[in-house]
C-alpha atoms as a PDB file:
ATOM      1  CA  MET A   1       0.000   0.000   0.000  1.00  0.00           C
ATOM      2  CA  ALA A   2       2.900   2.354   0.641  1.00  0.00           C
ATOM      3  CA  TYR A   3       3.725   2.397  -3.069  1.00  0.00           C
ATOM      4  CA  TYR A   4       0.371   3.991  -3.859  1.00  0.00           C
ATOM      5  CA  ASN A   5       1.493   6.902  -1.665  1.00  0.00           C
ATOM      6  CA  VAL A   6       4.839   7.006  -3.458  1.00  0.00           C
ATOM      7  CA  LEU A   7       3.019   7.363  -6.784  1.00  0.00           C
ATOM      8  CA  PHE A   8       0.816  10.143  -5.385  1.00  0.00           C
ATOM      9  CA  ASP A   9       3.847  11.920  -3.891  1.00  0.00           C
ATOM     10  CA  ARG A  10       5.721  11.788  -7.205  1.00  0.00           C
ATOM     11  CA  ALA A  11       2.737  13.394  -8.948  1.00  0.00           C
ATOM     12  CA  VAL A  12       2.659  16.171  -6.326  1.00  0.00           C
ATOM     13  CA  ASP A  13       6.372  16.735  -6.914  1.00  0.00           C
ATOM     14  CA  GLU A  14       5.677  17.233 -10.633  1.00  0.00           C
ATOM     15  CA  ALA A  15       2.738  19.579  -9.996  1.00  0.00           C
ATOM     16  CA  TYR A  16       4.769  21.600  -7.502  1.00  0.00           C
ATOM     17  CA  GLU A  17       7.582  21.969 -10.061  1.00  0.00           C
ATOM     18  CA  LEU A  18       5.033  23.419 -12.506  1.00  0.00           C
ATOM     19  CA  LEU A  19       3.990  25.881  -9.814  1.00  0.00           C
ATOM     20  CA  GLY A  20       7.578  26.883  -9.035  1.00  0.00           C
ATOM     21  CA  ILE A  21       7.406  25.391  -5.538  1.00  0.00           C
ATOM     22  CA  GLY A  22       9.432  22.233  -6.128  1.00  0.00           C
ATOM     23  CA  ALA A  23      12.908  21.114  -5.116  1.00  0.00           C
ATOM     24  CA  ASP A  24      14.658  24.485  -5.609  1.00  0.00           C
ATOM     25  CA  TYR A  25      11.928  26.190  -3.581  1.00  0.00           C
ATOM     26  CA  THR A  26      12.532  23.759  -0.726  1.00  0.00           C
ATOM     27  CA  LYS A  27      16.279  24.358  -0.897  1.00  0.00           C
ATOM     28  CA  ALA A  28      15.528  28.076  -0.514  1.00  0.00           C
ATOM     29  CA  GLY A  29      13.845  27.408   2.852  1.00  0.00           C
ATOM     30  CA  ARG A  30      10.134  26.991   2.071  1.00  0.00           C
ATOM     31  CA  SER A  31       8.237  23.728   1.935  1.00  0.00           C
ATOM     32  CA  PHE A  32       4.921  22.005   2.619  1.00  0.00           C
ATOM     33  CA  PHE A  33       3.756  19.839   5.481  1.00  0.00           C
ATOM     34  CA  THR A  34       0.818  17.529   5.023  1.00  0.00           C
ATOM     35  CA  ALA A  35      -1.948  18.458   7.443  1.00  0.00           C
ATOM     36  CA  GLU A  36      -4.539  15.909   6.351  1.00  0.00           C
ATOM     37  CA  VAL A  37      -4.908  13.114   3.800  1.00  0.00           C
ATOM     38  CA  HIS A  38      -7.921  11.028   2.856  1.00  0.00           C
ATOM     39  CA  LEU A  39      -6.733   8.029   0.863  1.00  0.00           C
ATOM     40  CA  ARG A  40      -9.108   5.537  -0.744  1.00  0.00           C
ATOM     41  CA  TYR A  41      -7.967   2.177  -2.127  1.00  0.00           C
ATOM     42  CA  LEU A  42     -10.551   1.156  -4.707  1.00  0.00           C
ATOM     43  CA  ARG A  43      -9.006  -1.509  -6.905  1.00  0.00           C
ATOM     44  CA  GLU A  44      -5.744  -3.386  -6.689  1.00  0.00           C
ATOM     45  CA  LEU A  45      -2.838  -2.730  -9.006  1.00  0.00           C
ATOM     46  CA  HIS A  46      -0.191  -5.363  -9.687  1.00  0.00           C
ATOM     47  CA  ALA A  47       3.571  -5.116 -10.095  1.00  0.00           C
ATOM     48  CA  GLY A  48       4.347  -4.045 -13.642  1.00  0.00           C
ATOM     49  CA  ASP A  49       0.973  -2.372 -14.281  1.00  0.00           C
ATOM     50  CA  ALA A  50       1.305   0.906 -16.154  1.00  0.00           C
ATOM     51  CA  VAL A  51      -0.286   3.734 -14.163  1.00  0.00           C
ATOM     52  CA  ARG A  52      -1.255   7.368 -14.579  1.00  0.00           C
ATOM     53  CA  VAL A  53      -1.780   9.883 -11.769  1.00  0.00           C
ATOM     54  CA  THR A  54      -3.769  13.101 -12.078  1.00  0.00           C
ATOM     55  CA  PHE A  55      -3.458  16.160  -9.839  1.00  0.00           C
ATOM     56  CA  GLN A  56      -6.306  18.647  -9.451  1.00  0.00           C
ATOM     57  CA  LEU A  57      -5.949  21.811  -7.388  1.00  0.00           C
ATOM     58  CA  LEU A  58      -9.300  22.301  -5.670  1.00  0.00           C
ATOM     59  CA  ASP A  59      -8.512  25.465  -3.720  1.00  0.00           C
ATOM     60  CA  PHE A  60      -5.925  27.393  -1.742  1.00  0.00           C
ATOM     61  CA  ASP A  61      -5.679  30.293   0.642  1.00  0.00           C
ATOM     62  CA  THR A  62      -2.689  32.301   1.874  1.00  0.00           C
ATOM     63  CA  LYS A  63      -1.006  29.297   3.553  1.00  0.00           C
ATOM     64  CA  ARG A  64      -2.779  26.102   2.442  1.00  0.00           C
ATOM     65  CA  VAL A  65      -3.365  24.062  -0.700  1.00  0.00           C
ATOM     66  CA  HIS A  66      -6.214  21.583  -1.123  1.00  0.00           C
ATOM     67  CA  TYR A  67      -5.827  19.097  -3.938  1.00  0.00           C
ATOM     68  CA  PHE A  68      -7.168  15.791  -5.194  1.00  0.00           C
ATOM     69  CA  GLU A  69      -5.282  13.032  -6.980  1.00  0.00           C
ATOM     70  CA  GLN A  70      -6.456   9.950  -8.829  1.00  0.00           C
ATOM     71  CA  LEU A  71      -4.385   6.867  -9.638  1.00  0.00           C
ATOM     72  CA  PHE A  72      -5.504   5.128 -12.843  1.00  0.00           C
ATOM     73  CA  HIS A  73      -4.577   1.862 -14.482  1.00  0.00           C
ATOM     74  CA  ALA A  74      -3.056   3.398 -17.619  1.00  0.00           C
ATOM     75  CA  GLU A  75      -4.040   0.637 -20.023  1.00  0.00           C
ATOM     76  CA  HIS A  76      -7.606  -0.063 -18.869  1.00  0.00           C
ATOM     77  CA  GLY A  77      -8.522   3.376 -17.472  1.00  0.00           C
ATOM     78  CA  TRP A  78     -10.094   2.366 -14.166  1.00  0.00           C
ATOM     79  CA  VAL A  79      -9.397   4.251 -10.932  1.00  0.00           C
ATOM     80  CA  SER A  80      -7.289   2.319  -8.462  1.00  0.00           C
ATOM     81  CA  ALA A  81      -7.026   4.891  -5.651  1.00  0.00           C
ATOM     82  CA  THR A  82      -7.656   8.521  -4.770  1.00  0.00           C
ATOM     83  CA  SER A  83      -5.896  10.884  -2.400  1.00  0.00           C
ATOM     84  CA  GLU A  84      -7.348  14.164  -1.119  1.00  0.00           C
ATOM     85  CA  ASN A  85      -4.842  16.395   0.642  1.00  0.00           C
ATOM     86  CA  MET A  86      -4.541  19.588   2.653  1.00  0.00           C
ATOM     87  CA  SER A  87      -0.957  20.846   2.822  1.00  0.00           C
ATOM     88  CA  LEU A  88       0.470  23.744   4.793  1.00  0.00           C
ATOM     89  CA  HIS A  89       3.047  26.176   3.408  1.00  0.00           C
ATOM     90  CA  VAL A  90       5.911  26.319   5.916  1.00  0.00           C
ATOM     91  CA  ASP A  91       8.976  28.481   6.500  1.00  0.00           C
ATOM     92  CA  MET A  92      11.599  25.817   7.231  1.00  0.00           C
ATOM     93  CA  ASN A  93      13.676  28.202   9.335  1.00  0.00           C
ATOM     94  CA  THR A  94      10.876  28.792  11.838  1.00  0.00           C
ATOM     95  CA  LYS A  95       8.892  25.565  11.195  1.00  0.00           C
ATOM     96  CA  LYS A  96       5.750  27.700  11.130  1.00  0.00           C
ATOM     97  CA  THR A  97       3.174  28.305   8.462  1.00  0.00           C
ATOM     98  CA  ALA A  98       3.959  31.231   6.188  1.00  0.00           C
ATOM     99  CA  PRO A  99       2.013  33.087   3.506  1.00  0.00           C
ATOM    100  CA  PHE A 100       2.744  32.449  -0.143  1.00  0.00           C
ATOM    101  CA  SER A 101       4.704  35.023  -2.101  1.00  0.00           C
ATOM    102  CA  ASP A 102       2.837  37.082  -4.689  1.00  0.00           C
ATOM    103  CA  GLU A 103       4.436  35.012  -7.473  1.00  0.00           C
ATOM    104  CA  VAL A 104       3.339  31.688  -5.965  1.00  0.00           C
ATOM    105  CA  THR A 105      -0.137  33.101  -5.357  1.00  0.00           C
ATOM    106  CA  ARG A 106      -0.301  34.170  -9.014  1.00  0.00           C
ATOM    107  CA  ARG A 107       0.657  30.684 -10.214  1.00  0.00           C
ATOM    108  CA  LEU A 108      -1.789  28.994  -7.847  1.00  0.00           C
ATOM    109  CA  THR A 109      -4.526  31.348  -9.035  1.00  0.00           C
ATOM    110  CA  GLN A 110      -3.812  30.390 -12.654  1.00  0.00           C
ATOM    111  CA  MET A 111      -3.838  26.680 -11.879  1.00  0.00           C
ATOM    112  CA  ARG A 112      -7.020  26.936  -9.809  1.00  0.00           C
ATOM    113  CA  ALA A 113      -8.781  28.785 -12.642  1.00  0.00           C
ATOM    114  CA  SER A 114      -7.683  26.151 -15.132  1.00  0.00           C
ATOM    115  CA  HIS A 115      -8.619  23.243 -12.875  1.00  0.00           C
ATOM    116  CA  ALA A 116     -12.005  24.827 -12.035  1.00  0.00           C
ATOM    117  CA  ARG A 117     -13.043  23.865 -15.572  1.00  0.00           C
ATOM    118  CA  LEU A 118     -12.689  20.203 -14.598  1.00  0.00           C
ATOM    119  CA  PRO A 119     -15.550  18.432 -12.863  1.00  0.00           C
ATOM    120  CA  ARG A 120     -15.106  18.379  -9.111  1.00  0.00           C
ATOM    121  CA  PRO A 121     -14.200  14.834  -8.087  1.00  0.00           C
ATOM    122  CA  GLU A 122     -17.223  13.080  -6.614  1.00  0.00           C
ATOM    123  CA  ALA A 123     -15.145  11.799  -3.705  1.00  0.00           C
ATOM    124  CA  ALA A 124     -13.708  15.219  -2.752  1.00  0.00           C
ATOM    125  CA  GLY A 125     -14.786  16.310   0.707  1.00  0.00           C
ATOM    126  CA  ARG A 126     -15.878  12.875   1.847  1.00  0.00           C
ATOM    127  CA  ARG A 127     -15.524  12.018   5.468  1.00  0.00           C
ATOM    128  CA  ILE A 128     -14.854   8.744   7.238  1.00  0.00           C
ATOM    129  CA  ALA A 129     -17.828   7.459   9.207  1.00  0.00           C
ATOM    130  CA  MET A 130     -19.595   4.243  10.027  1.00  0.00           C
ATOM    131  CA  PRO A 131     -22.777   3.681   7.995  1.00  0.00           C
ATOM    132  CA  VAL A 132     -25.957   4.786   9.716  1.00  0.00           C
ATOM    133  CA  LYS A 133     -27.772   1.769  11.129  1.00  0.00           C
ATOM    134  CA  SER A 134     -31.471   1.654  10.486  1.00  0.00           C
END
């Protein structure tokens, strides 16, 4: 199961590079801490299966990003797992949350506008709870 998280993390790394908040950004003293994750395992993948991961920015504010990822079997197209995340922008020198720069905010705004054209994932915002007994 840990490898599903590795695949999701690699996709986040790629998305963050597009936003200018990747590896070089971290070396400059800013990073992200995961505050909350809701991971769903829906269908098993097998070693050697080709996969595809999507990243959709749902929203952000001055210090947080909320995004949703889906892991697909690349050949057959079915969803294997989803991961909904809330990450905090952190100043690594103080280990405290910090506001985004104007440039990062601009890039996040562009991505959010682009991703707003996509349908909101049905599973976004779900909560964990026992079924109501009747």
